[in-house]
Amino acid sequence: MTVLLALMLIAALAACGNTGAGNEAAGGSGASSQQTAPAEEAGATVYPLTVKDATGQEFTFEKAPEKVISVSPAETEALFALGLDKEIVGVSDYDDYPEAAKSKPKMGGITKPNEEAIIAAQPDIVFTGISMSEEAVNKLRDLGITIFKTDPKTVEDVMNNITLYGKVMDRQQEAKAVTDKMKADIAEVQEGVKNIGEDQRLRVYVEFSPGWTVGKGEFMDELISLAGGVNIASDTEGWNQISEEKVIAANPDVILYSKSVVDENGKTLEQIIKGRGGWSHINAIRNNRVFGLDDNLLSRPGPRVTEGLKEVAKAIYPEIFK
């Protein structure tokens, strides 16, 4: 991941942090639904189905959509996890997982997709996620594009969204299999850290792009907490530029970073972090507890986010998660 792409993500995340009203209207996760008749759990969807997204927009489906576009890597991963390869007719330029996503027609960026390409593909529904602002979503709607936005703040929100996709696409059994696996990942981590006392929890600093970290109210912060750590930026909210002095004062025991990020000079994020003035005295650097994690597992709120949780737990407590 280049610094430019990382900065695009940061700008989008910051913008999406200001859509609280719409998120509240959708129950916090962008996942709410109503059906005209009850369906068995994880069974066939009963149509018509009415759902709301994170902006509060209501959608009614008379049947499962047959042509779907995703302009969010996390949503693309979720849709493929439900076995919807055939239905997916377009993805964003940055969608690279699973392998099949790479060969799908490209629909432009994650913050500003290609409007002409989307319209030409004639999708029944377009899914987008945390990277697209509500303003950009509304602009696409003004063009007649049916676009469904999510804005997950917690791992539970991510699972709720996958469950909702299962309902919309009539893939409820597949969705349940995905979320059951995610719940098992969470249970495994919670079992491992259950005996760690509050005074024994290690202090953690995470940097996913040069100079940027995350505070409370976002799923990345929750991953640290679920893994038994204490986010040193948890006194802030959302995505934040760091204070180097504050990080030094907080003296984290563990530093996590996105391992594929490089700057315009070819410096890795690890080199940037370790090269900062005064940071050599931080416990994490002195004790060689600086760990690079897969960017996609760390920053994508999709079905692999609990795999990211396990990697975070392993980095913080390698003696427990071997």
C-alpha atoms as a PDB file:
ATOM      1  CA  MET A   1       0.000   0.000   0.000  1.00  0.00           C
ATOM      2  CA  THR A   2       1.400   3.384  -0.962  1.00  0.00           C
ATOM      3  CA  VAL A   3       1.211   6.421   1.279  1.00  0.00           C
ATOM      4  CA  LEU A   4      -1.097   8.073  -1.306  1.00  0.00           C
ATOM      5  CA  LEU A   5      -3.627   5.249  -1.070  1.00  0.00           C
ATOM      6  CA  ALA A   6      -3.348   5.267   2.715  1.00  0.00           C
ATOM      7  CA  LEU A   7      -3.989   9.020   2.796  1.00  0.00           C
ATOM      8  CA  MET A   8      -7.043   8.572   0.551  1.00  0.00           C
ATOM      9  CA  LEU A   9      -8.344   6.018   3.038  1.00  0.00           C
ATOM     10  CA  ILE A  10      -7.688   8.354   5.972  1.00  0.00           C
ATOM     11  CA  ALA A  11      -9.555  11.234   4.316  1.00  0.00           C
ATOM     12  CA  ALA A  12     -12.497   8.994   3.612  1.00  0.00           C
ATOM     13  CA  LEU A  13     -12.537   7.548   7.122  1.00  0.00           C
ATOM     14  CA  ALA A  14     -12.442  11.009   8.647  1.00  0.00           C
ATOM     15  CA  ALA A  15     -15.349  12.107   6.466  1.00  0.00           C
ATOM     16  CA  CYS A  16     -17.355   9.014   7.321  1.00  0.00           C
ATOM     17  CA  GLY A  17     -16.870   9.707  10.992  1.00  0.00           C
ATOM     18  CA  ASN A  18     -19.325  12.578  10.680  1.00  0.00           C
ATOM     19  CA  THR A  19     -22.356  10.549   9.627  1.00  0.00           C
ATOM     20  CA  GLY A  20     -23.632   9.692  13.050  1.00  0.00           C
ATOM     21  CA  ALA A  21     -27.233  10.677  12.444  1.00  0.00           C
ATOM     22  CA  GLY A  22     -27.639   8.312   9.545  1.00  0.00           C
ATOM     23  CA  ASN A  23     -25.856   5.562  11.408  1.00  0.00           C
ATOM     24  CA  GLU A  24     -28.171   5.903  14.368  1.00  0.00           C
ATOM     25  CA  ALA A  25     -31.171   5.689  12.086  1.00  0.00           C
ATOM     26  CA  ALA A  26     -29.951   2.335  10.858  1.00  0.00           C
ATOM     27  CA  GLY A  27     -29.356   0.904  14.296  1.00  0.00           C
ATOM     28  CA  GLY A  28     -25.650   1.718  14.440  1.00  0.00           C
ATOM     29  CA  SER A  29     -24.339  -0.762  11.893  1.00  0.00           C
ATOM     30  CA  GLY A  30     -26.215  -0.006   8.717  1.00  0.00           C
ATOM     31  CA  ALA A  31     -28.035  -3.291   9.127  1.00  0.00           C
ATOM     32  CA  SER A  32     -31.740  -3.319   9.788  1.00  0.00           C
ATOM     33  CA  SER A  33     -34.453  -5.241   7.999  1.00  0.00           C
ATOM     34  CA  GLN A  34     -38.147  -5.956   7.910  1.00  0.00           C
ATOM     35  CA  GLN A  35     -39.903  -8.849   6.211  1.00  0.00           C
ATOM     36  CA  THR A  36     -43.544  -9.251   5.352  1.00  0.00           C
ATOM     37  CA  ALA A  37     -43.523 -12.779   6.807  1.00  0.00           C
ATOM     38  CA  PRO A  38     -41.173 -14.590   9.187  1.00  0.00           C
ATOM     39  CA  ALA A  39     -38.481 -16.854   7.747  1.00  0.00           C
ATOM     40  CA  GLU A  40     -36.711 -19.702   9.470  1.00  0.00           C
ATOM     41  CA  GLU A  41     -33.339 -18.761  10.907  1.00  0.00           C
ATOM     42  CA  ALA A  42     -30.637 -19.061   8.234  1.00  0.00           C
ATOM     43  CA  GLY A  43     -33.276 -20.316   5.805  1.00  0.00           C
ATOM     44  CA  ALA A  44     -34.704 -18.901   2.601  1.00  0.00           C
ATOM     45  CA  THR A  45     -35.355 -15.175   2.506  1.00  0.00           C
ATOM     46  CA  VAL A  46     -38.994 -14.104   2.360  1.00  0.00           C
ATOM     47  CA  TYR A  47     -39.592 -11.312  -0.127  1.00  0.00           C
ATOM     48  CA  PRO A  48     -40.472  -8.530  -0.313  1.00  0.00           C
ATOM     49  CA  LEU A  49     -37.689  -7.560   2.067  1.00  0.00           C
ATOM     50  CA  THR A  50     -37.201  -4.007   3.325  1.00  0.00           C
ATOM     51  CA  VAL A  51     -33.867  -2.872   4.763  1.00  0.00           C
ATOM     52  CA  LYS A  52     -32.159   0.351   5.797  1.00  0.00           C
ATOM     53  CA  ASP A  53     -28.528   1.298   5.292  1.00  0.00           C
ATOM     54  CA  ALA A  54     -26.196   3.431   7.425  1.00  0.00           C
ATOM     55  CA  THR A  55     -27.576   6.648   5.925  1.00  0.00           C
ATOM     56  CA  GLY A  56     -31.127   5.729   6.891  1.00  0.00           C
ATOM     57  CA  GLN A  57     -32.112   5.088   3.274  1.00  0.00           C
ATOM     58  CA  GLU A  58     -34.780   2.398   2.889  1.00  0.00           C
ATOM     59  CA  PHE A  59     -34.641  -0.304   0.217  1.00  0.00           C
ATOM     60  CA  THR A  60     -37.282  -2.870  -0.704  1.00  0.00           C
ATOM     61  CA  PHE A  61     -36.292  -5.992  -2.628  1.00  0.00           C
ATOM     62  CA  GLU A  62     -38.945  -8.039  -4.429  1.00  0.00           C
ATOM     63  CA  LYS A  63     -36.384 -10.766  -5.064  1.00  0.00           C
ATOM     64  CA  ALA A  64     -32.661 -11.401  -4.633  1.00  0.00           C
ATOM     65  CA  PRO A  65     -30.573  -8.968  -6.713  1.00  0.00           C
ATOM     66  CA  GLU A  66     -29.089 -10.637  -9.778  1.00  0.00           C
ATOM     67  CA  LYS A  67     -26.419  -8.056 -10.634  1.00  0.00           C
ATOM     68  CA  VAL A  68     -24.323  -6.571  -7.824  1.00  0.00           C
ATOM     69  CA  ILE A  69     -21.454  -4.097  -7.715  1.00  0.00           C
ATOM     70  CA  SER A  70     -19.211  -3.488  -4.709  1.00  0.00           C
ATOM     71  CA  VAL A  71     -16.943  -0.450  -4.509  1.00  0.00           C
ATOM     72  CA  SER A  72     -15.593  -1.358  -1.088  1.00  0.00           C
ATOM     73  CA  PRO A  73     -12.919  -4.055  -0.560  1.00  0.00           C
ATOM     74  CA  ALA A  74     -14.551  -5.170   2.713  1.00  0.00           C
ATOM     75  CA  GLU A  75     -17.977  -5.526   1.132  1.00  0.00           C
ATOM     76  CA  THR A  76     -16.473  -7.353  -1.841  1.00  0.00           C
ATOM     77  CA  GLU A  77     -14.857  -9.872   0.493  1.00  0.00           C
ATOM     78  CA  ALA A  78     -18.161 -10.372   2.297  1.00  0.00           C
ATOM     79  CA  LEU A  79     -20.126 -10.921  -0.923  1.00  0.00           C
ATOM     80  CA  PHE A  80     -17.595 -13.411  -2.257  1.00  0.00           C
ATOM     81  CA  ALA A  81     -17.660 -15.212   1.107  1.00  0.00           C
ATOM     82  CA  LEU A  82     -21.388 -15.761   0.496  1.00  0.00           C
ATOM     83  CA  GLY A  83     -20.651 -17.447  -2.827  1.00  0.00           C
ATOM     84  CA  LEU A  84     -21.834 -14.564  -5.021  1.00  0.00           C
ATOM     85  CA  ASP A  85     -19.118 -14.694  -7.677  1.00  0.00           C
ATOM     86  CA  LYS A  86     -21.697 -14.987 -10.470  1.00  0.00           C
ATOM     87  CA  GLU A  87     -23.792 -12.057  -9.223  1.00  0.00           C
ATOM     88  CA  ILE A  88     -20.843  -9.653  -8.776  1.00  0.00           C
ATOM     89  CA  VAL A  89     -20.480  -7.664 -11.999  1.00  0.00           C
ATOM     90  CA  GLY A  90     -18.028  -5.023 -10.803  1.00  0.00           C
ATOM     91  CA  VAL A  91     -15.622  -4.073  -8.011  1.00  0.00           C
ATOM     92  CA  SER A  92     -13.453  -1.107  -7.071  1.00  0.00           C
ATOM     93  CA  ASP A  93      -9.952  -0.619  -8.440  1.00  0.00           C
ATOM     94  CA  TYR A  94      -8.537  -1.651  -5.057  1.00  0.00           C
ATOM     95  CA  ASP A  95     -10.427  -4.895  -4.553  1.00  0.00           C
ATOM     96  CA  ASP A  96      -7.810  -7.668  -4.491  1.00  0.00           C
ATOM     97  CA  TYR A  97      -9.326 -10.450  -2.364  1.00  0.00           C
ATOM     98  CA  PRO A  98     -10.278 -13.133  -3.024  1.00  0.00           C
ATOM     99  CA  GLU A  99      -8.312 -13.860  -6.186  1.00  0.00           C
ATOM    100  CA  ALA A 100     -11.512 -13.901  -8.253  1.00  0.00           C
ATOM    101  CA  ALA A 101     -12.076 -10.211  -7.417  1.00  0.00           C
ATOM    102  CA  LYS A 102      -9.017  -9.219  -9.447  1.00  0.00           C
ATOM    103  CA  SER A 103     -10.610 -10.302 -12.702  1.00  0.00           C
ATOM    104  CA  LYS A 104     -13.926  -8.512 -12.184  1.00  0.00           C
ATOM    105  CA  PRO A 105     -14.663  -5.328 -14.175  1.00  0.00           C
ATOM    106  CA  LYS A 106     -13.276  -2.277 -12.392  1.00  0.00           C
ATOM    107  CA  MET A 107     -15.635   0.481 -11.282  1.00  0.00           C
ATOM    108  CA  GLY A 108     -13.170   3.135 -10.132  1.00  0.00           C
ATOM    109  CA  GLY A 109     -12.087   4.311  -6.710  1.00  0.00           C
ATOM    110  CA  ILE A 110     -13.420   3.608  -3.230  1.00  0.00           C
ATOM    111  CA  THR A 111     -14.203   7.252  -2.476  1.00  0.00           C
ATOM    112  CA  LYS A 112     -15.291   8.358  -5.955  1.00  0.00           C
ATOM    113  CA  PRO A 113     -16.171   5.456  -8.251  1.00  0.00           C
ATOM    114  CA  ASN A 114     -16.619   5.639 -12.011  1.00  0.00           C
ATOM    115  CA  GLU A 115     -20.233   6.733 -12.417  1.00  0.00           C
ATOM    116  CA  GLU A 116     -20.391   5.921 -16.132  1.00  0.00           C
ATOM    117  CA  ALA A 117     -19.033   2.394 -15.644  1.00  0.00           C
ATOM    118  CA  ILE A 118     -21.545   1.692 -12.871  1.00  0.00           C
ATOM    119  CA  ILE A 119     -24.502   2.957 -14.883  1.00  0.00           C
ATOM    120  CA  ALA A 120     -23.389   0.943 -17.919  1.00  0.00           C
ATOM    121  CA  ALA A 121     -23.212  -2.257 -15.835  1.00  0.00           C
ATOM    122  CA  GLN A 122     -26.897  -1.818 -14.857  1.00  0.00           C
ATOM    123  CA  PRO A 123     -26.590  -3.276 -11.338  1.00  0.00           C
ATOM    124  CA  ASP A 124     -29.594  -4.010  -9.160  1.00  0.00           C
ATOM    125  CA  ILE A 125     -27.630  -2.754  -6.137  1.00  0.00           C
ATOM    126  CA  VAL A 126     -24.250  -1.173  -5.399  1.00  0.00           C
ATOM    127  CA  PHE A 127     -22.607  -1.770  -2.021  1.00  0.00           C
ATOM    128  CA  THR A 128     -20.152   0.651  -0.449  1.00  0.00           C
ATOM    129  CA  GLY A 129     -18.556   0.891   2.973  1.00  0.00           C
ATOM    130  CA  ILE A 130     -16.584   3.075   5.356  1.00  0.00           C
ATOM    131  CA  SER A 131     -14.469   4.781   2.695  1.00  0.00           C
ATOM    132  CA  MET A 132     -17.271   6.623   0.906  1.00  0.00           C
ATOM    133  CA  SER A 133     -18.802   9.711   2.448  1.00  0.00           C
ATOM    134  CA  GLU A 134     -22.555  10.155   2.692  1.00  0.00           C
ATOM    135  CA  GLU A 135     -22.239  13.166   0.407  1.00  0.00           C
ATOM    136  CA  ALA A 136     -20.660  11.011  -2.316  1.00  0.00           C
ATOM    137  CA  VAL A 137     -23.351   8.369  -1.804  1.00  0.00           C
ATOM    138  CA  ASN A 138     -26.113  10.947  -2.257  1.00  0.00           C
ATOM    139  CA  LYS A 139     -24.497  12.234  -5.443  1.00  0.00           C
ATOM    140  CA  LEU A 140     -24.614   8.734  -6.921  1.00  0.00           C
ATOM    141  CA  ARG A 141     -28.243   8.376  -5.839  1.00  0.00           C
ATOM    142  CA  ASP A 142     -29.054  11.610  -7.647  1.00  0.00           C
ATOM    143  CA  LEU A 143     -27.801   9.879 -10.806  1.00  0.00           C
ATOM    144  CA  GLY A 144     -30.298   7.073 -10.291  1.00  0.00           C
ATOM    145  CA  ILE A 145     -27.796   4.582  -8.860  1.00  0.00           C
ATOM    146  CA  THR A 146     -29.179   2.343  -6.098  1.00  0.00           C
ATOM    147  CA  ILE A 147     -26.346   2.352  -3.558  1.00  0.00           C
ATOM    148  CA  PHE A 148     -26.304   0.785  -0.101  1.00  0.00           C
ATOM    149  CA  LYS A 149     -23.772   2.150   2.403  1.00  0.00           C
ATOM    150  CA  THR A 150     -22.460   0.502   5.576  1.00  0.00           C
ATOM    151  CA  ASP A 151     -20.456   2.151   8.352  1.00  0.00           C
ATOM    152  CA  PRO A 152     -19.469  -0.558  10.869  1.00  0.00           C
ATOM    153  CA  LYS A 153     -17.951   0.645  14.132  1.00  0.00           C
ATOM    154  CA  THR A 154     -17.598  -2.736  15.842  1.00  0.00           C
ATOM    155  CA  VAL A 155     -16.906  -6.348  14.930  1.00  0.00           C
ATOM    156  CA  GLU A 156     -20.537  -7.088  15.774  1.00  0.00           C
ATOM    157  CA  ASP A 157     -21.570  -4.455  13.219  1.00  0.00           C
ATOM    158  CA  VAL A 158     -19.460  -6.266  10.622  1.00  0.00           C
ATOM    159  CA  MET A 159     -21.187  -9.564  11.399  1.00  0.00           C
ATOM    160  CA  ASN A 160     -24.611  -7.906  11.333  1.00  0.00           C
ATOM    161  CA  ASN A 161     -23.848  -6.517   7.881  1.00  0.00           C
ATOM    162  CA  ILE A 162     -22.833  -9.952   6.599  1.00  0.00           C
ATOM    163  CA  THR A 163     -26.058 -11.381   8.016  1.00  0.00           C
ATOM    164  CA  LEU A 164     -27.977  -8.637   6.239  1.00  0.00           C
ATOM    165  CA  TYR A 165     -26.227  -9.354   2.932  1.00  0.00           C
ATOM    166  CA  GLY A 166     -27.272 -12.968   3.395  1.00  0.00           C
ATOM    167  CA  LYS A 167     -30.902 -11.886   3.736  1.00  0.00           C
ATOM    168  CA  VAL A 168     -30.832  -9.499   0.796  1.00  0.00           C
ATOM    169  CA  MET A 169     -29.111 -12.020  -1.485  1.00  0.00           C
ATOM    170  CA  ASP A 170     -30.986 -15.086  -0.210  1.00  0.00           C
ATOM    171  CA  ARG A 171     -27.749 -16.590   1.123  1.00  0.00           C
ATOM    172  CA  GLN A 172     -28.645 -16.804   4.793  1.00  0.00           C
ATOM    173  CA  GLN A 173     -27.061 -20.219   5.383  1.00  0.00           C
ATOM    174  CA  GLU A 174     -23.806 -19.048   3.833  1.00  0.00           C
ATOM    175  CA  ALA A 175     -23.895 -15.885   5.940  1.00  0.00           C
ATOM    176  CA  LYS A 176     -24.436 -17.884   9.096  1.00  0.00           C
ATOM    177  CA  ALA A 177     -21.449 -20.088   8.285  1.00  0.00           C
ATOM    178  CA  VAL A 178     -19.273 -16.990   7.875  1.00  0.00           C
ATOM    179  CA  THR A 179     -20.433 -15.310  11.087  1.00  0.00           C
ATOM    180  CA  ASP A 180     -20.221 -18.567  13.058  1.00  0.00           C
ATOM    181  CA  LYS A 181     -16.562 -18.811  12.081  1.00  0.00           C
ATOM    182  CA  MET A 182     -16.016 -15.183  13.086  1.00  0.00           C
ATOM    183  CA  LYS A 183     -17.683 -15.790  16.461  1.00  0.00           C
ATOM    184  CA  ALA A 184     -15.435 -18.818  17.006  1.00  0.00           C
ATOM    185  CA  ASP A 185     -12.368 -16.646  16.314  1.00  0.00           C
ATOM    186  CA  ILE A 186     -13.533 -14.101  18.882  1.00  0.00           C
ATOM    187  CA  ALA A 187     -14.255 -16.816  21.469  1.00  0.00           C
ATOM    188  CA  GLU A 188     -10.773 -18.289  20.943  1.00  0.00           C
ATOM    189  CA  VAL A 189      -9.129 -14.925  21.610  1.00  0.00           C
ATOM    190  CA  GLN A 190     -11.339 -14.118  24.595  1.00  0.00           C
ATOM    191  CA  GLU A 191     -10.574 -17.501  26.128  1.00  0.00           C
ATOM    192  CA  GLY A 192      -6.861 -16.825  25.762  1.00  0.00           C
ATOM    193  CA  VAL A 193      -6.878 -13.429  27.470  1.00  0.00           C
ATOM    194  CA  LYS A 194      -9.560 -14.027  30.100  1.00  0.00           C
ATOM    195  CA  ASN A 195      -7.083 -14.355  32.980  1.00  0.00           C
ATOM    196  CA  ILE A 196      -5.144 -11.190  32.192  1.00  0.00           C
ATOM    197  CA  GLY A 197      -5.819  -8.637  34.937  1.00  0.00           C
ATOM    198  CA  GLU A 198      -6.539  -5.013  34.142  1.00  0.00           C
ATOM    199  CA  ASP A 199      -3.155  -3.987  35.569  1.00  0.00           C
ATOM    200  CA  GLN A 200      -1.405  -6.576  33.388  1.00  0.00           C
ATOM    201  CA  ARG A 201      -2.889  -5.542  30.049  1.00  0.00           C
ATOM    202  CA  LEU A 202      -0.160  -4.334  27.695  1.00  0.00           C
ATOM    203  CA  ARG A 203      -0.264  -0.831  26.233  1.00  0.00           C
ATOM    204  CA  VAL A 204      -0.558  -0.864  22.448  1.00  0.00           C
ATOM    205  CA  TYR A 205       0.027   1.744  19.759  1.00  0.00           C
ATOM    206  CA  VAL A 206      -1.191   1.112  16.202  1.00  0.00           C
ATOM    207  CA  GLU A 207      -0.148   3.125  13.128  1.00  0.00           C
ATOM    208  CA  PHE A 208      -1.845   2.173   9.865  1.00  0.00           C
ATOM    209  CA  SER A 209      -0.436   5.064   7.789  1.00  0.00           C
ATOM    210  CA  PRO A 210       2.492   7.409   8.512  1.00  0.00           C
ATOM    211  CA  GLY A 211       1.455   9.671  11.368  1.00  0.00           C
ATOM    212  CA  TRP A 212      -2.065   8.246  11.772  1.00  0.00           C
ATOM    213  CA  THR A 213      -3.624   6.119  14.481  1.00  0.00           C
ATOM    214  CA  VAL A 214      -7.106   5.260  15.720  1.00  0.00           C
ATOM    215  CA  GLY A 215      -9.058   6.039  18.894  1.00  0.00           C
ATOM    216  CA  LYS A 216     -12.241   4.701  20.429  1.00  0.00           C
ATOM    217  CA  GLY A 217     -15.434   4.224  18.493  1.00  0.00           C
ATOM    218  CA  GLU A 218     -13.824   2.329  15.590  1.00  0.00           C
ATOM    219  CA  PHE A 219     -13.446  -1.399  14.967  1.00  0.00           C
ATOM    220  CA  MET A 220      -9.636  -1.182  14.910  1.00  0.00           C
ATOM    221  CA  ASP A 221      -9.651   0.096  18.499  1.00  0.00           C
ATOM    222  CA  GLU A 222     -12.013  -2.722  19.448  1.00  0.00           C
ATOM    223  CA  LEU A 223      -9.607  -5.307  18.010  1.00  0.00           C
ATOM    224  CA  ILE A 224      -6.960  -4.154  20.480  1.00  0.00           C
ATOM    225  CA  SER A 225      -9.388  -4.346  23.414  1.00  0.00           C
ATOM    226  CA  LEU A 226     -10.715  -7.776  22.416  1.00  0.00           C
ATOM    227  CA  ALA A 227      -7.117  -8.974  22.170  1.00  0.00           C
ATOM    228  CA  GLY A 228      -6.484  -7.967  25.771  1.00  0.00           C
ATOM    229  CA  GLY A 229      -4.515  -4.807  25.061  1.00  0.00           C
ATOM    230  CA  VAL A 230      -5.013  -1.143  25.923  1.00  0.00           C
ATOM    231  CA  ASN A 231      -4.988   1.286  23.025  1.00  0.00           C
ATOM    232  CA  ILE A 232      -2.881   4.283  24.070  1.00  0.00           C
ATOM    233  CA  ALA A 233      -5.044   6.468  21.789  1.00  0.00           C
ATOM    234  CA  SER A 234      -8.320   5.359  23.370  1.00  0.00           C
ATOM    235  CA  ASP A 235      -8.720   8.794  24.958  1.00  0.00           C
ATOM    236  CA  THR A 236      -9.402  10.115  21.455  1.00  0.00           C
ATOM    237  CA  GLU A 237     -12.199   9.299  19.021  1.00  0.00           C
ATOM    238  CA  GLY A 238     -12.006   8.104  15.442  1.00  0.00           C
ATOM    239  CA  TRP A 239      -9.006   8.383  13.131  1.00  0.00           C
ATOM    240  CA  ASN A 240      -6.338  10.790  14.367  1.00  0.00           C
ATOM    241  CA  GLN A 241      -3.011  12.293  13.472  1.00  0.00           C
ATOM    242  CA  ILE A 242      -0.535  11.297  16.133  1.00  0.00           C
ATOM    243  CA  SER A 243       1.373  13.422  18.621  1.00  0.00           C
ATOM    244  CA  GLU A 244       4.875  11.956  18.669  1.00  0.00           C
ATOM    245  CA  GLU A 245       5.428  13.373  22.147  1.00  0.00           C
ATOM    246  CA  LYS A 246       2.222  11.785  23.398  1.00  0.00           C
ATOM    247  CA  VAL A 247       3.254   8.379  22.089  1.00  0.00           C
ATOM    248  CA  ILE A 248       6.637   8.719  23.812  1.00  0.00           C
ATOM    249  CA  ALA A 249       4.915   9.685  27.071  1.00  0.00           C
ATOM    250  CA  ALA A 250       2.452   6.783  26.817  1.00  0.00           C
ATOM    251  CA  ASN A 251       5.415   4.427  26.316  1.00  0.00           C
ATOM    252  CA  PRO A 252       3.548   1.539  24.617  1.00  0.00           C
ATOM    253  CA  ASP A 253       4.676  -2.019  25.253  1.00  0.00           C
ATOM    254  CA  VAL A 254       3.722  -3.081  21.718  1.00  0.00           C
ATOM    255  CA  ILE A 255       3.606  -1.199  18.423  1.00  0.00           C
ATOM    256  CA  LEU A 256       1.543  -2.525  15.509  1.00  0.00           C
ATOM    257  CA  TYR A 257       1.762  -1.141  11.989  1.00  0.00           C
ATOM    258  CA  SER A 258       0.585  -1.872   8.448  1.00  0.00           C
ATOM    259  CA  LYS A 259       3.478  -3.817   7.007  1.00  0.00           C
ATOM    260  CA  SER A 260       3.080  -3.041   3.306  1.00  0.00           C
ATOM    261  CA  VAL A 261       2.931   0.761   3.629  1.00  0.00           C
ATOM    262  CA  VAL A 262       5.881   2.608   2.079  1.00  0.00           C
ATOM    263  CA  ASP A 263       6.428   6.328   1.597  1.00  0.00           C
ATOM    264  CA  GLU A 264       7.485   8.158  -1.559  1.00  0.00           C
ATOM    265  CA  ASN A 265      11.148   7.495  -0.707  1.00  0.00           C
ATOM    266  CA  GLY A 266      10.635   3.765  -0.345  1.00  0.00           C
ATOM    267  CA  LYS A 267      10.787   3.814   3.449  1.00  0.00           C
ATOM    268  CA  THR A 268       8.668   1.235   5.198  1.00  0.00           C
ATOM    269  CA  LEU A 269       6.371   2.236   8.027  1.00  0.00           C
ATOM    270  CA  GLU A 270       8.597   0.245  10.398  1.00  0.00           C
ATOM    271  CA  GLN A 271      11.621   2.311   9.353  1.00  0.00           C
ATOM    272  CA  ILE A 272       9.644   5.521   9.766  1.00  0.00           C
ATOM    273  CA  ILE A 273       8.472   4.538  13.251  1.00  0.00           C
ATOM    274  CA  LYS A 274      11.878   3.390  14.490  1.00  0.00           C
ATOM    275  CA  GLY A 275      13.614   6.433  13.000  1.00  0.00           C
ATOM    276  CA  ARG A 276      11.641   9.068  14.911  1.00  0.00           C
ATOM    277  CA  GLY A 277      13.512  11.182  17.410  1.00  0.00           C
ATOM    278  CA  GLY A 278      13.143   9.955  20.993  1.00  0.00           C
ATOM    279  CA  TRP A 279      11.211   6.839  20.028  1.00  0.00           C
ATOM    280  CA  SER A 280      14.212   4.571  20.639  1.00  0.00           C
ATOM    281  CA  HIS A 281      13.399   4.874  24.358  1.00  0.00           C
ATOM    282  CA  ILE A 282       9.880   3.491  23.947  1.00  0.00           C
ATOM    283  CA  ASN A 283       9.504   0.050  25.537  1.00  0.00           C
ATOM    284  CA  ALA A 284       8.135  -1.528  22.372  1.00  0.00           C
ATOM    285  CA  ILE A 285      11.174  -0.460  20.341  1.00  0.00           C
ATOM    286  CA  ARG A 286      13.719  -1.178  23.079  1.00  0.00           C
ATOM    287  CA  ASN A 287      12.283  -4.679  23.551  1.00  0.00           C
ATOM    288  CA  ASN A 288      11.804  -5.370  19.814  1.00  0.00           C
ATOM    289  CA  ARG A 289       8.015  -5.574  20.126  1.00  0.00           C
ATOM    290  CA  VAL A 290       7.220  -3.785  16.868  1.00  0.00           C
ATOM    291  CA  PHE A 291       5.084  -5.943  14.580  1.00  0.00           C
ATOM    292  CA  GLY A 292       3.893  -5.493  11.013  1.00  0.00           C
ATOM    293  CA  LEU A 293       0.435  -6.859  10.253  1.00  0.00           C
ATOM    294  CA  ASP A 294      -1.404  -7.526   6.992  1.00  0.00           C
ATOM    295  CA  ASP A 295      -2.995  -4.197   6.047  1.00  0.00           C
ATOM    296  CA  ASN A 296      -6.139  -5.858   4.774  1.00  0.00           C
ATOM    297  CA  LEU A 297      -6.716  -7.864   7.951  1.00  0.00           C
ATOM    298  CA  LEU A 298      -6.107  -4.791  10.084  1.00  0.00           C
ATOM    299  CA  SER A 299      -8.113  -2.182   8.199  1.00  0.00           C
ATOM    300  CA  ARG A 300     -10.919  -3.970   6.316  1.00  0.00           C
ATOM    301  CA  PRO A 301     -14.136  -4.495   8.294  1.00  0.00           C
ATOM    302  CA  GLY A 302     -15.095  -7.629   6.406  1.00  0.00           C
ATOM    303  CA  PRO A 303     -15.262 -11.381   7.046  1.00  0.00           C
ATOM    304  CA  ARG A 304     -11.509 -11.614   7.705  1.00  0.00           C
ATOM    305  CA  VAL A 305     -11.521  -8.979  10.440  1.00  0.00           C
ATOM    306  CA  THR A 306     -11.487 -11.693  13.117  1.00  0.00           C
ATOM    307  CA  GLU A 307      -8.428 -13.204  11.462  1.00  0.00           C
ATOM    308  CA  GLY A 308      -6.947  -9.759  12.013  1.00  0.00           C
ATOM    309  CA  LEU A 309      -8.053  -9.989  15.643  1.00  0.00           C
ATOM    310  CA  LYS A 310      -6.110 -13.242  16.052  1.00  0.00           C
ATOM    311  CA  GLU A 311      -3.013 -11.654  14.512  1.00  0.00           C
ATOM    312  CA  VAL A 312      -3.309  -8.671  16.867  1.00  0.00           C
ATOM    313  CA  ALA A 313      -3.647 -11.017  19.861  1.00  0.00           C
ATOM    314  CA  LYS A 314      -0.632 -13.043  18.740  1.00  0.00           C
ATOM    315  CA  ALA A 315       1.482  -9.894  18.406  1.00  0.00           C
ATOM    316  CA  ILE A 316       0.492  -8.602  21.852  1.00  0.00           C
ATOM    317  CA  TYR A 317       0.647 -11.918  23.723  1.00  0.00           C
ATOM    318  CA  PRO A 318       2.807 -14.357  21.713  1.00  0.00           C
ATOM    319  CA  GLU A 319       3.260 -16.512  24.789  1.00  0.00           C
ATOM    320  CA  ILE A 320      -0.495 -17.210  24.785  1.00  0.00           C
ATOM    321  CA  PHE A 321      -1.202 -17.331  21.054  1.00  0.00           C
ATOM    322  CA  LYS A 322       1.655 -19.394  19.649  1.00  0.00           C
END
